[in-house]
């Protein structure tokens, strides 16, 4: 069976199932486990440049995501703005555009080695981003990259209703 199909199906199954933490929380936990990450965040963008909602698999990841949006810099912000994945395989060695984010590269949280962000895209519209965190630095393999991109696409579909409530506007119908 195609591995991307399995990832997509897991996201859809999680959306249909119940459990603690609401759908975004369940999705963060699923992606963390299925993609082999140490932490996961999901950000949905609303109207205006700074309106967003963040969900995270843990408090440290939520803080890192909130910092990115507060400073308007970082992989999740760039992935949402550009509509394409942003991969930072070594947080300590990365050079940021904005000086405000640079201290994080000199003294990143000890548990954060790499950051990967994939846009939540639906029919050409970017709804937000999935942020993926690994404790150790390293690039994603081609297979990991494809799995992450597939998962982000499925998450975009299952969070359409949440996006509509936040944005006040409806993306194209499925």
Protein backbone atom coordinates (compact mmCIF):
# COMPACT_ATOMS: atom_id res chain seq x y z
CA UNK A 1 0.00 0.00 0.00
CA UNK A 2 1.23 3.51 -0.80
CA UNK A 3 2.75 5.10 2.31
CA UNK A 4 1.27 8.50 1.42
CA UNK A 5 -2.18 6.89 1.28
CA UNK A 6 -1.61 5.49 4.78
CA UNK A 7 -0.61 8.89 6.16
CA UNK A 8 -3.60 10.59 4.53
CA UNK A 9 -5.97 7.88 5.78
CA UNK A 10 -4.62 8.20 9.34
CA UNK A 11 -5.40 11.93 9.30
CA UNK A 12 -8.92 11.33 7.99
CA UNK A 13 -9.52 8.54 10.53
CA UNK A 14 -8.38 10.86 13.33
CA UNK A 15 -10.79 13.52 12.11
CA UNK A 16 -13.69 11.05 12.28
CA UNK A 17 -12.74 9.65 15.68
CA UNK A 18 -13.22 11.23 19.05
CA UNK A 19 -10.96 11.56 21.98
CA UNK A 20 -9.44 14.12 24.31
CA UNK A 21 -8.09 17.46 23.20
CA UNK A 22 -10.31 18.28 20.26
CA UNK A 23 -9.47 17.66 16.64
CA UNK A 24 -6.37 19.92 16.32
CA UNK A 25 -4.85 18.38 19.44
CA UNK A 26 -5.51 14.87 18.18
CA UNK A 27 -3.97 15.78 14.82
CA UNK A 28 -0.83 17.16 16.49
CA UNK A 29 -0.40 13.95 18.49
CA UNK A 30 -1.03 11.79 15.41
CA UNK A 31 1.49 13.67 13.27
CA UNK A 32 4.06 13.60 16.04
CA UNK A 33 3.78 9.83 16.24
CA UNK A 34 3.31 8.98 12.55
CA UNK A 35 5.93 11.37 11.19
CA UNK A 36 8.52 10.58 13.85
CA UNK A 37 8.74 14.12 15.19
CA UNK A 38 9.40 15.30 18.72
CA UNK A 39 6.75 18.04 18.56
CA UNK A 40 4.13 19.35 16.14
CA UNK A 41 2.24 22.62 15.77
CA UNK A 42 -0.67 23.63 13.59
CA UNK A 43 -1.37 27.29 12.82
CA UNK A 44 -4.45 28.58 11.05
CA UNK A 45 -4.39 32.07 9.60
CA UNK A 46 -7.31 34.47 9.78
CA UNK A 47 -7.94 37.86 8.25
CA UNK A 48 -5.13 40.31 8.78
CA UNK A 49 -1.43 39.64 8.98
CA UNK A 50 -1.29 38.59 12.63
CA UNK A 51 -4.54 36.76 13.29
CA UNK A 52 -3.90 33.10 13.86
CA UNK A 53 -4.71 30.16 16.06
CA UNK A 54 -2.01 27.76 17.19
CA UNK A 55 -2.33 24.21 18.38
CA UNK A 56 0.63 22.20 19.60
CA UNK A 57 1.61 18.80 20.87
CA UNK A 58 3.28 20.40 23.91
CA UNK A 59 3.82 23.72 25.67
CA UNK A 60 7.40 24.25 24.43
CA UNK A 61 6.31 23.79 20.80
CA UNK A 62 3.43 26.23 21.32
CA UNK A 63 5.87 28.80 22.70
CA UNK A 64 8.18 28.41 19.72
CA UNK A 65 5.26 28.77 17.30
CA UNK A 66 3.93 31.83 19.14
CA UNK A 67 7.41 33.40 19.00
CA UNK A 68 7.54 32.91 15.24
CA UNK A 69 4.22 34.66 14.72
CA UNK A 70 5.02 37.43 17.23
CA UNK A 71 8.29 38.18 15.41
CA UNK A 72 6.84 37.52 11.95
CA UNK A 73 9.78 35.21 11.25
CA UNK A 74 10.43 31.49 11.25
CA UNK A 75 9.61 28.39 9.23
CA UNK A 76 5.85 28.32 9.93
CA UNK A 77 5.44 32.00 9.11
CA UNK A 78 7.45 31.65 5.90
CA UNK A 79 5.66 28.45 4.81
CA UNK A 80 2.28 30.16 5.26
CA UNK A 81 3.45 33.32 3.48
CA UNK A 82 5.19 31.57 0.59
CA UNK A 83 2.80 28.64 0.25
CA UNK A 84 5.65 26.14 0.11
CA UNK A 85 7.60 24.06 2.64
CA UNK A 86 10.42 25.65 4.62
CA UNK A 87 13.05 23.30 6.02
CA UNK A 88 15.63 24.31 8.62
CA UNK A 89 17.66 21.13 9.24
CA UNK A 90 19.99 22.82 11.76
CA UNK A 91 18.51 25.62 13.83
CA UNK A 92 21.89 26.68 15.22
CA UNK A 93 23.44 27.17 11.79
CA UNK A 94 20.51 28.95 10.10
CA UNK A 95 20.63 32.66 9.20
CA UNK A 96 17.34 34.48 9.64
CA UNK A 97 16.22 37.55 7.71
CA UNK A 98 15.02 39.35 10.82
CA UNK A 99 17.49 40.18 13.59
CA UNK A 100 14.84 39.54 16.25
CA UNK A 101 14.87 35.79 15.55
CA UNK A 102 18.65 35.43 15.42
CA UNK A 103 19.23 34.98 19.18
CA UNK A 104 17.22 31.77 18.95
CA UNK A 105 19.79 30.35 16.54
CA UNK A 106 22.64 31.14 18.90
CA UNK A 107 20.91 29.64 21.94
CA UNK A 108 17.98 27.57 20.70
CA UNK A 109 15.92 25.59 23.18
CA UNK A 110 18.03 22.52 23.93
CA UNK A 111 15.23 20.28 22.70
CA UNK A 112 15.05 21.93 19.27
CA UNK A 113 17.54 20.93 16.59
CA UNK A 114 15.52 21.15 13.36
CA UNK A 115 12.32 22.87 12.24
CA UNK A 116 10.24 21.93 9.21
CA UNK A 117 7.08 23.73 8.14
CA UNK A 118 4.57 22.70 5.49
CA UNK A 119 1.77 24.96 4.30
CA UNK A 120 -1.83 23.92 4.80
CA UNK A 121 -3.05 24.36 1.22
CA UNK A 122 -6.51 23.79 -0.14
CA UNK A 123 -7.27 24.52 -3.79
CA UNK A 124 -4.48 27.05 -4.10
CA UNK A 125 -5.29 28.88 -0.87
CA UNK A 126 -2.96 28.73 2.12
CA UNK A 127 -4.89 28.21 5.34
CA UNK A 128 -1.90 28.05 7.68
CA UNK A 129 1.03 25.74 8.37
CA UNK A 130 2.08 22.55 10.11
CA UNK A 131 5.30 23.00 12.09
CA UNK A 132 7.40 19.91 12.76
CA UNK A 133 10.17 19.87 15.35
CA UNK A 134 12.99 17.41 15.89
CA UNK A 135 15.27 17.51 18.88
CA UNK A 136 18.31 16.64 16.79
CA UNK A 137 19.46 18.50 13.68
CA UNK A 138 19.11 16.78 10.34
CA UNK A 139 17.52 16.97 6.93
CA UNK A 140 14.36 15.10 6.02
CA UNK A 141 14.81 12.15 3.71
CA UNK A 142 12.88 12.27 0.44
CA UNK A 143 10.37 9.78 1.86
CA UNK A 144 9.95 11.78 5.09
CA UNK A 145 9.47 14.98 3.08
CA UNK A 146 6.73 13.36 0.98
CA UNK A 147 4.99 11.96 4.06
CA UNK A 148 5.05 15.38 5.75
CA UNK A 149 3.70 17.15 2.66
CA UNK A 150 0.94 14.54 2.29
CA UNK A 151 -0.01 14.86 5.95
CA UNK A 152 -0.19 18.67 5.67
CA UNK A 153 -2.51 18.38 2.68
CA UNK A 154 -4.84 16.06 4.58
CA UNK A 155 -4.78 18.30 7.68
CA UNK A 156 -5.83 21.26 5.51
CA UNK A 157 -8.90 19.35 4.36
CA UNK A 158 -10.00 18.24 7.82
CA UNK A 159 -9.50 21.71 9.37
CA UNK A 160 -11.49 23.61 6.72
CA UNK A 161 -14.37 24.26 9.12
CA UNK A 162 -12.02 25.64 11.78
CA UNK A 163 -10.44 27.89 9.17
CA UNK A 164 -13.83 29.16 7.99
CA UNK A 165 -14.81 30.12 11.55
CA UNK A 166 -11.54 31.99 12.05
CA UNK A 167 -11.36 33.66 8.67
CA UNK A 168 -15.03 34.51 8.24
CA UNK A 169 -14.67 33.65 4.58
CA UNK A 170 -15.10 30.34 2.84
CA UNK A 171 -12.37 28.77 0.78
CA UNK A 172 -13.50 26.97 -2.37
CA UNK A 173 -15.81 24.04 -1.75
CA UNK A 174 -14.32 20.54 -1.98
